[in-house]
Structure formats: structure tokens, C-alpha cells
């Protein structure tokens, strides 16, 4: 049996000896949406994103580590940071570690569980949206508030929960809660993890959340293990001589078939798993909205079909569109969905813990795409986020 001998990853310890006016960048290797600069007594955290193809937005925060400091020392650091960064408003100065957090997306919750800090969550959007039953029970037992989101955000309950931080997604339109929260004086932190275009980049946002929890070292060690396993498997698969199976994703709805862009998050997963994604050569990371006939003509002979949202089996697919019966993947039984871990309420763990476990997602994909290879490279792996449709 083949074995992979891959050197371990050394984690360097950064010694911060810079003067107050000097910034020391933190080690962010894959994520493109945030950066960290260390100063004497505080960190400057920048979150960057594009609202469209023409405009890039950067939001900055000052994080003051208050551990071991008295009130006078805290004020001195805050004053020094304010003098050095006068453009950053005072409501974006946050003392860390925070003890009272509200999270308005289930994807923010797993790191709290990883670092045993679930007791710091005092509010969530909707408790039923959380897949993990153990987390759900613990939060309910802690008396967590259910504050809603977007146009349904209960601002009064949010304020009454006295959060030191409310973490939100970067969303436009009526679901953008930032202006409402900031106007009410509630500290808001925007998280743009879902905009990352690489699996390891998205997973590295665990370091972003860890900053606010005072768990930077734990996050670095945790991510190092994910990174090592992902890269080892991707390297092992790349070293094999295999025929790349063609892959189509998603299914038609309302006369359209939406597929991922060729430079996006899931296209990168498929490239690392050695698949011939049918739209891999399209530019950009945004999803492509195509007419059904355009996709169907290419999908007809695809070897593997992934992500059929909203159906529980092959019969349901055929009921939705009888033409799909003729697809090669349907006829050969190579149809798989990422809903193996879904609860009765419809919450899917692929979108909750999955962003932080690209190593498991990649192992699932390799198992589906290259079953023979997986028997040797992943002899103990069983599908975790995925299941074959019957």
C-alpha cells in the first residue's frame, strides 16, 4: 500500500518587538479578505471586499488586548492607537478578549466550539438554524437570545443582551444590519469569509474570529493541522496518473441552471481533487446563470453530478425534469449531494462546520471522483458531508 511521506509544517513564533509606530504583519497565508498588523499593545485588523467589479471597500478595527492591563494602561493604549489611526471611528475600537458576543450567521459559531468558548455567545439570529445539536443544547442552556437578522433584527433585544461585539456577514440591501446596529451604538464586526475563493482561504478565517476571543495561538495550531492534511492529500492526488472525471454541479430551476464560476471556491476544490469541471475555464468567481439547454447539452455526458439542492433522491430529480433521467451520471449512479449532515429543520453542516474543514470536503470529493485511488490514499475515510443519491 502506498504511503505519503510529507514533511511537517513548522510554525514560527512571531516575537513582537516593534515600537508603537511600527506595524508587524501577522501570518495570514491564504485568506485575501482580512489582514492583521500588530502594534505595541493593539492590533489593526482590516477587512476588505468588493461590492462590485469596480469598487473595493476596507473596514478597519483596532483590537486592544486588555489581559493584564489596568484601566490607565487601557486608556493609554487606546489614546496611542487613536493618534496613530485617526480615521478609524471609536466604535471600531474593541477590547479583547470579548466575553459577550452575538453571531448573526451559523458559520461563525464553530470556532467558538473549537476553542471551548460557546459560553461567550449571548445571542444568535435563529437557534433552529444551527445544525450541531450539542451546540444548540448548550446555547439554549446558557439562555442565549434569539435576535433575528436583517429586516427582522430585534434591535431592542440585541441592545439588552449587552454584546461587546455583534459579528455579521457582508450583505447589501435590507439584510445589511451594520447601519442599524452602529446607529444604536452596538459594536459591529463584519466577516467576509464566504467571499474567499480558495478552500484554505475560507478556513483561515478561523484566525479572524480567534482574534476577538484571545485564542490566536490555538487558532494557528488548529489551522496548521487542517492545512497540512489538505495539502498532503491534494499533493498525493496530483501525483497520481488518472483520467479526470468530468463534473457538473447544481440542477435547473425556473428555466435557469446556475453553476459556479471557474475561479471560485468550489471550482478550486474540484481542481485540487483532480476533476474536469465543465466550466473551469470561465473567468471570475461569480456564479454563472445559464439557460437549462446550454448546461444540459454539456452535462448529458458528465461523469459525476454534484449538489442537487432540495431533492432527496433520483426519483425527485426526474420528477423535477424528466430529461435529467438521460444524464450519464444518473444512469451510472454517480450522483452525490452535500447534504449527508442535514437536520429535520433543513440546516446543513456542510455550510456550518464545512468551511473550516476543507480537508474533509476534499477527502469526500476524492472518494467520489476517484474511488479506486481513494481505497489506497484514504483507506479509512467514509463520506462525511456527502452521500450518493438513490
Protein backbone atom coordinates (compact mmCIF):
# COMPACT_ATOMS: atom_id res chain seq x y z
CA UNK A 1 0.00 0.00 0.00
CA UNK A 2 1.34 3.43 -0.92
CA UNK A 3 2.11 5.90 1.80
CA UNK A 4 2.75 9.61 1.59
CA UNK A 5 5.84 10.92 3.38
CA UNK A 6 5.36 14.65 3.63
CA UNK A 7 7.39 16.93 5.82
CA UNK A 8 5.64 18.61 8.71
CA UNK A 9 4.85 22.25 8.82
CA UNK A 10 6.90 24.36 11.20
CA UNK A 11 5.03 27.11 12.97
CA UNK A 12 7.26 30.08 13.68
CA UNK A 13 6.56 32.14 16.77
CA UNK A 14 6.42 35.83 15.97
CA UNK A 15 8.19 37.99 18.57
CA UNK A 16 6.65 41.43 18.54
CA UNK A 17 9.33 43.93 19.45
CA UNK A 18 8.27 46.81 17.26
CA UNK A 19 7.82 50.28 18.59
CA UNK A 20 4.36 51.79 18.79
CA UNK A 21 4.63 53.39 15.37
CA UNK A 22 5.77 50.22 13.62
CA UNK A 23 3.43 47.54 12.33
CA UNK A 24 4.28 43.84 12.20
CA UNK A 25 2.02 41.93 9.77
CA UNK A 26 0.57 38.70 11.11
CA UNK A 27 0.98 35.47 9.18
CA UNK A 28 -2.13 35.13 7.01
CA UNK A 29 -1.23 32.74 4.20
CA UNK A 30 -4.36 32.12 2.14
CA UNK A 31 -7.20 34.46 3.14
CA UNK A 32 -7.42 37.56 0.97
CA UNK A 33 -10.27 39.29 2.77
CA UNK A 34 -8.56 40.29 6.02
CA UNK A 35 -5.15 41.26 7.34
CA UNK A 36 -3.67 41.85 10.78
CA UNK A 37 -0.95 44.35 11.71
CA UNK A 38 0.48 44.11 15.22
CA UNK A 39 1.44 47.24 17.12
CA UNK A 40 2.62 47.79 20.66
CA UNK A 41 -0.44 46.90 22.72
CA UNK A 42 -3.00 46.62 19.94
CA UNK A 43 -3.73 45.18 16.50
CA UNK A 44 -5.08 46.82 13.37
CA UNK A 45 -7.47 44.40 11.63
CA UNK A 46 -8.57 45.24 8.09
CA UNK A 47 -11.48 43.56 6.30
CA UNK A 48 -11.56 44.16 2.54
CA UNK A 49 -14.19 43.24 0.00
CA UNK A 50 -15.62 44.33 -3.33
CA UNK A 51 -19.24 45.35 -3.67
CA UNK A 52 -18.96 45.05 -7.42
CA UNK A 53 -16.25 44.79 -10.05
CA UNK A 54 -15.29 48.44 -9.68
CA UNK A 55 -15.27 49.27 -6.00
CA UNK A 56 -13.26 47.80 -3.14
CA UNK A 57 -14.21 48.56 0.46
CA UNK A 58 -11.94 48.27 3.52
CA UNK A 59 -13.24 48.35 7.09
CA UNK A 60 -10.68 48.67 9.88
CA UNK A 61 -10.80 47.77 13.55
CA UNK A 62 -8.49 48.43 16.46
CA UNK A 63 -8.28 45.46 18.85
CA UNK A 64 -6.83 46.23 22.26
CA UNK A 65 -5.69 43.21 24.26
CA UNK A 66 -6.68 44.09 27.81
CA UNK A 67 -5.35 40.98 29.51
CA UNK A 68 -3.22 42.01 32.50
CA UNK A 69 -3.85 45.74 31.99
CA UNK A 70 -5.35 48.23 34.43
CA UNK A 71 -7.73 50.99 33.38
CA UNK A 72 -4.98 53.58 32.98
CA UNK A 73 -2.96 51.28 30.72
CA UNK A 74 -6.04 50.57 28.61
CA UNK A 75 -6.68 54.27 28.15
CA UNK A 76 -3.05 54.91 27.21
CA UNK A 77 -3.14 52.23 24.52
CA UNK A 78 -6.49 53.46 23.21
CA UNK A 79 -5.16 57.03 23.04
CA UNK A 80 -1.99 55.90 21.27
CA UNK A 81 -3.98 53.85 18.77
CA UNK A 82 -6.33 56.77 18.18
CA UNK A 83 -3.43 59.12 17.48
CA UNK A 84 -1.87 56.62 15.09
CA UNK A 85 -5.12 55.84 13.26
CA UNK A 86 -7.34 58.93 13.45
CA UNK A 87 -9.52 57.80 10.52
CA UNK A 88 -10.89 54.81 12.48
CA UNK A 89 -14.03 55.74 14.47
CA UNK A 90 -14.11 54.99 18.18
CA UNK A 91 -16.93 52.46 17.80
CA UNK A 92 -14.48 50.23 15.93
CA UNK A 93 -12.08 50.11 18.89
CA UNK A 94 -12.78 46.77 20.57
CA UNK A 95 -11.26 45.45 23.77
CA UNK A 96 -10.39 41.77 23.56
CA UNK A 97 -10.92 39.04 24.56
CA UNK A 98 -14.65 39.69 24.28
CA UNK A 99 -16.90 37.89 26.75
CA UNK A 100 -20.31 38.72 25.26
CA UNK A 101 -20.84 38.07 21.54
CA UNK A 102 -23.80 37.90 19.17
CA UNK A 103 -23.33 35.93 15.96
CA UNK A 104 -25.69 36.53 13.04
CA UNK A 105 -24.58 33.53 10.99
CA UNK A 106 -24.20 29.88 11.95
CA UNK A 107 -20.85 29.79 10.12
CA UNK A 108 -19.34 31.96 12.85
CA UNK A 109 -20.23 29.52 15.63
CA UNK A 110 -17.90 26.51 15.07
CA UNK A 111 -14.71 28.36 16.17
CA UNK A 112 -16.39 29.15 19.49
CA UNK A 113 -16.88 25.41 19.88
CA UNK A 114 -13.32 24.59 18.74
CA UNK A 115 -11.89 26.87 21.43
CA UNK A 116 -14.39 25.98 24.17
CA UNK A 117 -15.83 29.50 24.28
CA UNK A 118 -19.52 28.86 23.50
CA UNK A 119 -20.39 30.45 26.83
CA UNK A 120 -19.37 33.81 25.34
CA UNK A 121 -22.21 33.72 22.81
CA UNK A 122 -25.15 35.63 24.27
CA UNK A 123 -27.21 35.91 21.09
CA UNK A 124 -27.74 34.27 17.70
CA UNK A 125 -30.01 35.03 14.77
CA UNK A 126 -32.16 31.87 14.91
CA UNK A 127 -31.28 28.95 17.18
CA UNK A 128 -33.03 26.49 14.85
CA UNK A 129 -30.60 27.34 12.06
CA UNK A 130 -27.75 25.65 13.94
CA UNK A 131 -27.06 22.11 12.72
CA UNK A 132 -24.97 20.83 15.63
CA UNK A 133 -27.42 19.59 18.26
CA UNK A 134 -24.80 19.67 21.02
CA UNK A 135 -24.04 23.33 20.34
CA UNK A 136 -27.73 24.08 20.14
CA UNK A 137 -28.42 22.46 23.52
CA UNK A 138 -25.53 24.27 25.17
CA UNK A 139 -26.59 27.67 23.85
CA UNK A 140 -30.20 27.09 24.90
CA UNK A 141 -28.99 26.02 28.33
CA UNK A 142 -26.95 29.22 28.57
CA UNK A 143 -30.09 31.26 27.89
CA UNK A 144 -28.87 32.64 24.56
CA UNK A 145 -31.11 35.31 23.00
CA UNK A 146 -32.64 34.81 19.55
CA UNK A 147 -32.35 38.27 17.99
CA UNK A 148 -33.28 37.65 14.33
CA UNK A 149 -31.46 39.13 11.36
CA UNK A 150 -31.79 41.60 8.52
CA UNK A 151 -35.17 43.34 8.47
CA UNK A 152 -36.29 41.03 11.30
CA UNK A 153 -33.47 42.00 13.67
CA UNK A 154 -34.81 42.69 17.16
CA UNK A 155 -32.70 45.75 17.95
CA UNK A 156 -34.06 46.18 21.47
CA UNK A 157 -33.26 42.58 22.41
CA UNK A 158 -29.83 42.94 20.81
CA UNK A 159 -29.05 46.00 22.93
CA UNK A 160 -30.47 44.38 26.08
CA UNK A 161 -28.07 41.45 25.56
CA UNK A 162 -25.19 43.91 26.08
CA UNK A 163 -22.86 42.45 23.44
CA UNK A 164 -19.28 43.62 23.21
CA UNK A 165 -19.40 42.56 19.58
CA UNK A 166 -22.01 41.58 17.00
CA UNK A 167 -20.48 39.64 14.10
CA UNK A 168 -22.31 39.95 10.79
CA UNK A 169 -21.88 38.95 7.15
CA UNK A 170 -21.06 41.43 4.42
CA UNK A 171 -24.51 41.74 2.86
CA UNK A 172 -26.12 44.51 0.86
CA UNK A 173 -29.73 45.67 0.84
CA UNK A 174 -32.25 45.18 3.61
CA UNK A 175 -30.23 42.35 5.15
CA UNK A 176 -27.34 44.72 5.87
CA UNK A 177 -27.66 45.21 9.63
CA UNK A 178 -24.48 47.28 10.05
CA UNK A 179 -26.01 50.79 9.76
CA UNK A 180 -28.85 49.93 12.14
CA UNK A 181 -26.52 48.45 14.75
CA UNK A 182 -23.91 51.19 14.50
CA UNK A 183 -26.56 53.89 14.80
CA UNK A 184 -27.70 52.22 18.03
CA UNK A 185 -24.13 52.24 19.35
CA UNK A 186 -23.66 48.48 19.14
CA UNK A 187 -20.11 47.36 18.21
CA UNK A 188 -20.30 45.58 14.84
CA UNK A 189 -17.68 43.38 13.19
CA UNK A 190 -18.10 42.34 9.56
CA UNK A 191 -16.92 38.91 8.46
CA UNK A 192 -16.34 38.22 4.76
CA UNK A 193 -15.31 34.58 4.91
CA UNK A 194 -17.79 33.46 2.25
CA UNK A 195 -16.15 35.72 -0.34
CA UNK A 196 -12.88 33.79 -0.30
CA UNK A 197 -12.11 31.90 -3.49
CA UNK A 198 -9.91 29.16 -2.03
CA UNK A 199 -10.83 26.45 0.49
CA UNK A 200 -7.85 27.16 2.74
CA UNK A 201 -8.50 30.89 2.46
CA UNK A 202 -12.02 30.46 3.76
CA UNK A 203 -10.90 28.13 6.55
CA UNK A 204 -8.24 30.62 7.63
CA UNK A 205 -10.96 32.97 8.85
CA UNK A 206 -10.86 30.87 11.99
CA UNK A 207 -7.88 33.10 12.86
CA UNK A 208 -10.05 36.19 12.40
CA UNK A 209 -12.66 35.00 14.89
CA UNK A 210 -9.94 33.82 17.26
CA UNK A 211 -8.57 37.38 17.45
CA UNK A 212 -11.70 38.51 19.27
CA UNK A 213 -11.65 35.51 21.60
CA UNK A 214 -7.99 35.79 22.61
CA UNK A 215 -7.30 32.41 21.02
CA UNK A 216 -4.74 33.32 18.34
CA UNK A 217 -2.22 30.62 19.26
CA UNK A 218 -4.89 27.94 19.41
CA UNK A 219 -6.25 29.03 16.02
CA UNK A 220 -2.81 28.96 14.42
CA UNK A 221 -2.19 25.43 15.68
CA UNK A 222 -5.69 24.29 14.68
CA UNK A 223 -5.41 25.73 11.18
CA UNK A 224 -1.95 24.26 10.72
CA UNK A 225 -3.40 20.77 11.06
CA UNK A 226 -6.16 21.50 8.53
CA UNK A 227 -3.65 22.99 6.12
CA UNK A 228 -1.26 20.05 6.42
CA UNK A 229 -3.93 17.44 5.78
CA UNK A 230 -5.44 19.34 2.86
CA UNK A 231 -2.10 19.95 1.14
CA UNK A 232 -0.90 16.39 1.71
CA UNK A 233 -4.00 14.94 0.10
CA UNK A 234 -4.00 17.43 -2.79
CA UNK A 235 -0.33 16.65 -3.42
CA UNK A 236 -0.90 12.90 -3.28
CA UNK A 237 -3.80 13.12 -5.74
CA UNK A 238 -1.79 15.36 -8.07
CA UNK A 239 1.00 12.79 -8.14
CA UNK A 240 -1.33 10.09 -9.48
CA UNK A 241 -1.87 9.44 -13.17
CA UNK A 242 -5.62 9.39 -13.56
CA UNK A 243 -8.22 10.30 -16.11
CA UNK A 244 -10.05 13.37 -14.86
CA UNK A 245 -13.79 12.71 -14.46
CA UNK A 246 -16.00 15.45 -15.88
CA UNK A 247 -18.24 17.14 -13.32
CA UNK A 248 -21.41 19.21 -13.43
CA UNK A 249 -22.92 20.96 -10.41
CA UNK A 250 -26.37 22.02 -9.22
CA UNK A 251 -29.66 21.47 -11.01
CA UNK A 252 -32.09 23.55 -13.04
CA UNK A 253 -34.73 25.80 -11.53
CA UNK A 254 -37.17 28.23 -13.13
CA UNK A 255 -35.64 27.79 -16.56
CA UNK A 256 -32.09 28.57 -15.42
CA UNK A 257 -29.11 26.49 -14.32
CA UNK A 258 -26.66 28.25 -12.01
CA UNK A 259 -23.09 26.90 -11.94
CA UNK A 260 -20.00 28.13 -10.07
CA UNK A 261 -17.52 30.40 -11.80
CA UNK A 262 -14.26 28.83 -12.96
CA UNK A 263 -12.12 30.79 -10.49
CA UNK A 264 -14.36 30.39 -7.48
CA UNK A 265 -14.32 28.50 -4.21
CA UNK A 266 -15.80 25.20 -5.33
CA UNK A 267 -14.00 25.21 -8.67
CA UNK A 268 -10.77 25.26 -6.64
CA UNK A 269 -11.93 22.25 -4.64
CA UNK A 270 -12.57 20.35 -7.87
CA UNK A 271 -9.19 21.33 -9.29
CA UNK A 272 -7.41 20.07 -6.17
CA UNK A 273 -9.46 16.86 -6.31
CA UNK A 274 -8.38 16.39 -9.96
CA UNK A 275 -11.73 16.80 -11.68
CA UNK A 276 -12.59 18.17 -15.09
CA UNK A 277 -15.12 20.79 -14.05
CA UNK A 278 -17.06 21.66 -17.18
CA UNK A 279 -16.88 25.43 -16.57
CA UNK A 280 -13.35 25.53 -15.18
CA UNK A 281 -12.15 27.86 -17.95
CA UNK A 282 -14.66 30.62 -17.27
CA UNK A 283 -13.24 33.82 -15.81
CA UNK A 284 -14.19 35.09 -12.38
CA UNK A 285 -15.51 33.60 -9.19
CA UNK A 286 -19.14 34.64 -9.51
CA UNK A 287 -21.78 32.08 -10.34
CA UNK A 288 -22.91 31.79 -13.94
CA UNK A 289 -26.64 31.95 -14.63
CA UNK A 290 -27.21 29.89 -17.80
CA UNK A 291 -30.24 28.59 -19.62
CA UNK A 292 -31.06 24.95 -18.99
CA UNK A 293 -30.41 23.79 -22.55
CA UNK A 294 -26.88 25.25 -22.56
CA UNK A 295 -25.92 23.33 -19.43
CA UNK A 296 -27.85 20.18 -20.25
CA UNK A 297 -26.09 19.71 -23.59
CA UNK A 298 -22.76 19.52 -21.76
CA UNK A 299 -24.00 17.85 -18.57
CA UNK A 300 -25.53 14.98 -20.53
CA UNK A 301 -22.20 13.15 -20.70
CA UNK A 302 -20.71 14.34 -17.39
CA UNK A 303 -19.23 11.51 -15.32
CA UNK A 304 -20.22 12.93 -11.92
CA UNK A 305 -23.08 15.19 -10.83
CA UNK A 306 -22.84 17.06 -7.52
CA UNK A 307 -25.16 19.32 -5.49
CA UNK A 308 -28.80 18.75 -6.31
CA UNK A 309 -30.35 21.13 -3.81
CA UNK A 310 -33.81 20.43 -2.47
CA UNK A 311 -34.19 16.80 -3.56
CA UNK A 312 -33.79 13.61 -1.55
CA UNK A 313 -33.28 11.04 -4.31
CA UNK A 314 -33.09 10.23 -8.01
CA UNK A 315 -36.87 9.96 -8.33
CA UNK A 316 -37.26 13.53 -7.11
CA UNK A 317 -34.73 14.71 -9.69
CA UNK A 318 -36.63 13.03 -12.52
CA UNK A 319 -39.93 14.43 -11.26
CA UNK A 320 -38.41 17.90 -11.40
CA UNK A 321 -37.33 17.43 -15.04
CA UNK A 322 -37.74 14.11 -16.83
CA UNK A 323 -34.89 14.95 -19.23
CA UNK A 324 -32.41 14.56 -16.38
CA UNK A 325 -33.01 10.81 -16.47
CA UNK A 326 -30.82 10.59 -19.57
CA UNK A 327 -27.72 12.08 -17.93
CA UNK A 328 -24.79 9.69 -17.80
CA UNK A 329 -24.20 10.33 -14.07
CA UNK A 330 -27.80 9.37 -13.32
CA UNK A 331 -27.58 6.19 -15.39
CA UNK A 332 -24.28 5.13 -13.77
CA UNK A 333 -25.21 6.06 -10.20
CA UNK A 334 -22.61 8.80 -9.75
CA UNK A 335 -24.94 11.45 -8.37
CA UNK A 336 -23.98 12.83 -4.96
CA UNK A 337 -25.19 15.66 -2.76
CA UNK A 338 -23.54 17.52 0.10
CA UNK A 339 -26.49 17.04 2.47
CA UNK A 340 -25.46 13.95 4.42
CA UNK A 341 -25.42 16.04 7.60
CA UNK A 342 -28.77 17.82 7.49
CA UNK A 343 -31.25 18.03 10.34
CA UNK A 344 -35.07 17.99 10.10
CA UNK A 345 -35.13 21.80 10.10
CA UNK A 346 -33.03 21.83 6.93
CA UNK A 347 -29.79 23.07 8.49
CA UNK A 348 -26.80 21.66 6.61
CA UNK A 349 -23.48 21.11 8.34
CA UNK A 350 -21.65 21.48 5.00
CA UNK A 351 -22.26 25.21 5.40
CA UNK A 352 -21.71 25.31 9.18
CA UNK A 353 -18.57 23.36 10.01
CA UNK A 354 -17.64 22.60 6.40
CA UNK A 355 -15.92 25.94 5.70
CA UNK A 356 -13.44 25.13 8.48
CA UNK A 357 -12.87 21.54 7.36
CA UNK A 358 -11.75 21.69 3.72
CA UNK A 359 -9.57 18.66 4.42
CA UNK A 360 -12.70 16.54 4.97
CA UNK A 361 -14.53 18.02 1.99
CA UNK A 362 -11.54 17.28 -0.23
CA UNK A 363 -11.40 13.71 1.09
CA UNK A 364 -15.10 13.31 0.27
CA UNK A 365 -14.58 14.63 -3.25
CA UNK A 366 -11.59 12.38 -3.90
CA UNK A 367 -13.63 9.41 -2.69
CA UNK A 368 -16.45 10.26 -5.10
CA UNK A 369 -14.31 11.25 -8.07
CA UNK A 370 -11.58 8.61 -7.78
CA UNK A 371 -12.94 5.64 -5.80
CA UNK A 372 -10.06 3.36 -6.77
CA UNK A 373 -7.43 5.88 -5.73
CA UNK A 374 -9.30 6.63 -2.52
CA UNK A 375 -9.08 3.00 -1.44
CA UNK A 376 -5.31 3.39 -1.29
CA UNK A 377 -4.88 7.03 -0.24
CA UNK A 378 -7.87 7.19 2.13
CA UNK A 379 -8.50 3.61 3.26
CA UNK A 380 -10.33 4.65 6.44
CA UNK A 381 -12.31 7.57 5.07
CA UNK A 382 -16.07 7.35 4.78
CA UNK A 383 -18.20 10.04 3.18
CA UNK A 384 -18.89 12.72 5.78
CA UNK A 385 -20.60 15.72 4.20
CA UNK A 386 -21.67 13.89 1.02
CA UNK A 387 -23.95 10.98 0.20
CA UNK A 388 -24.89 9.22 -3.02
CA UNK A 389 -28.47 9.75 -4.12
CA UNK A 390 -30.52 6.64 -4.77
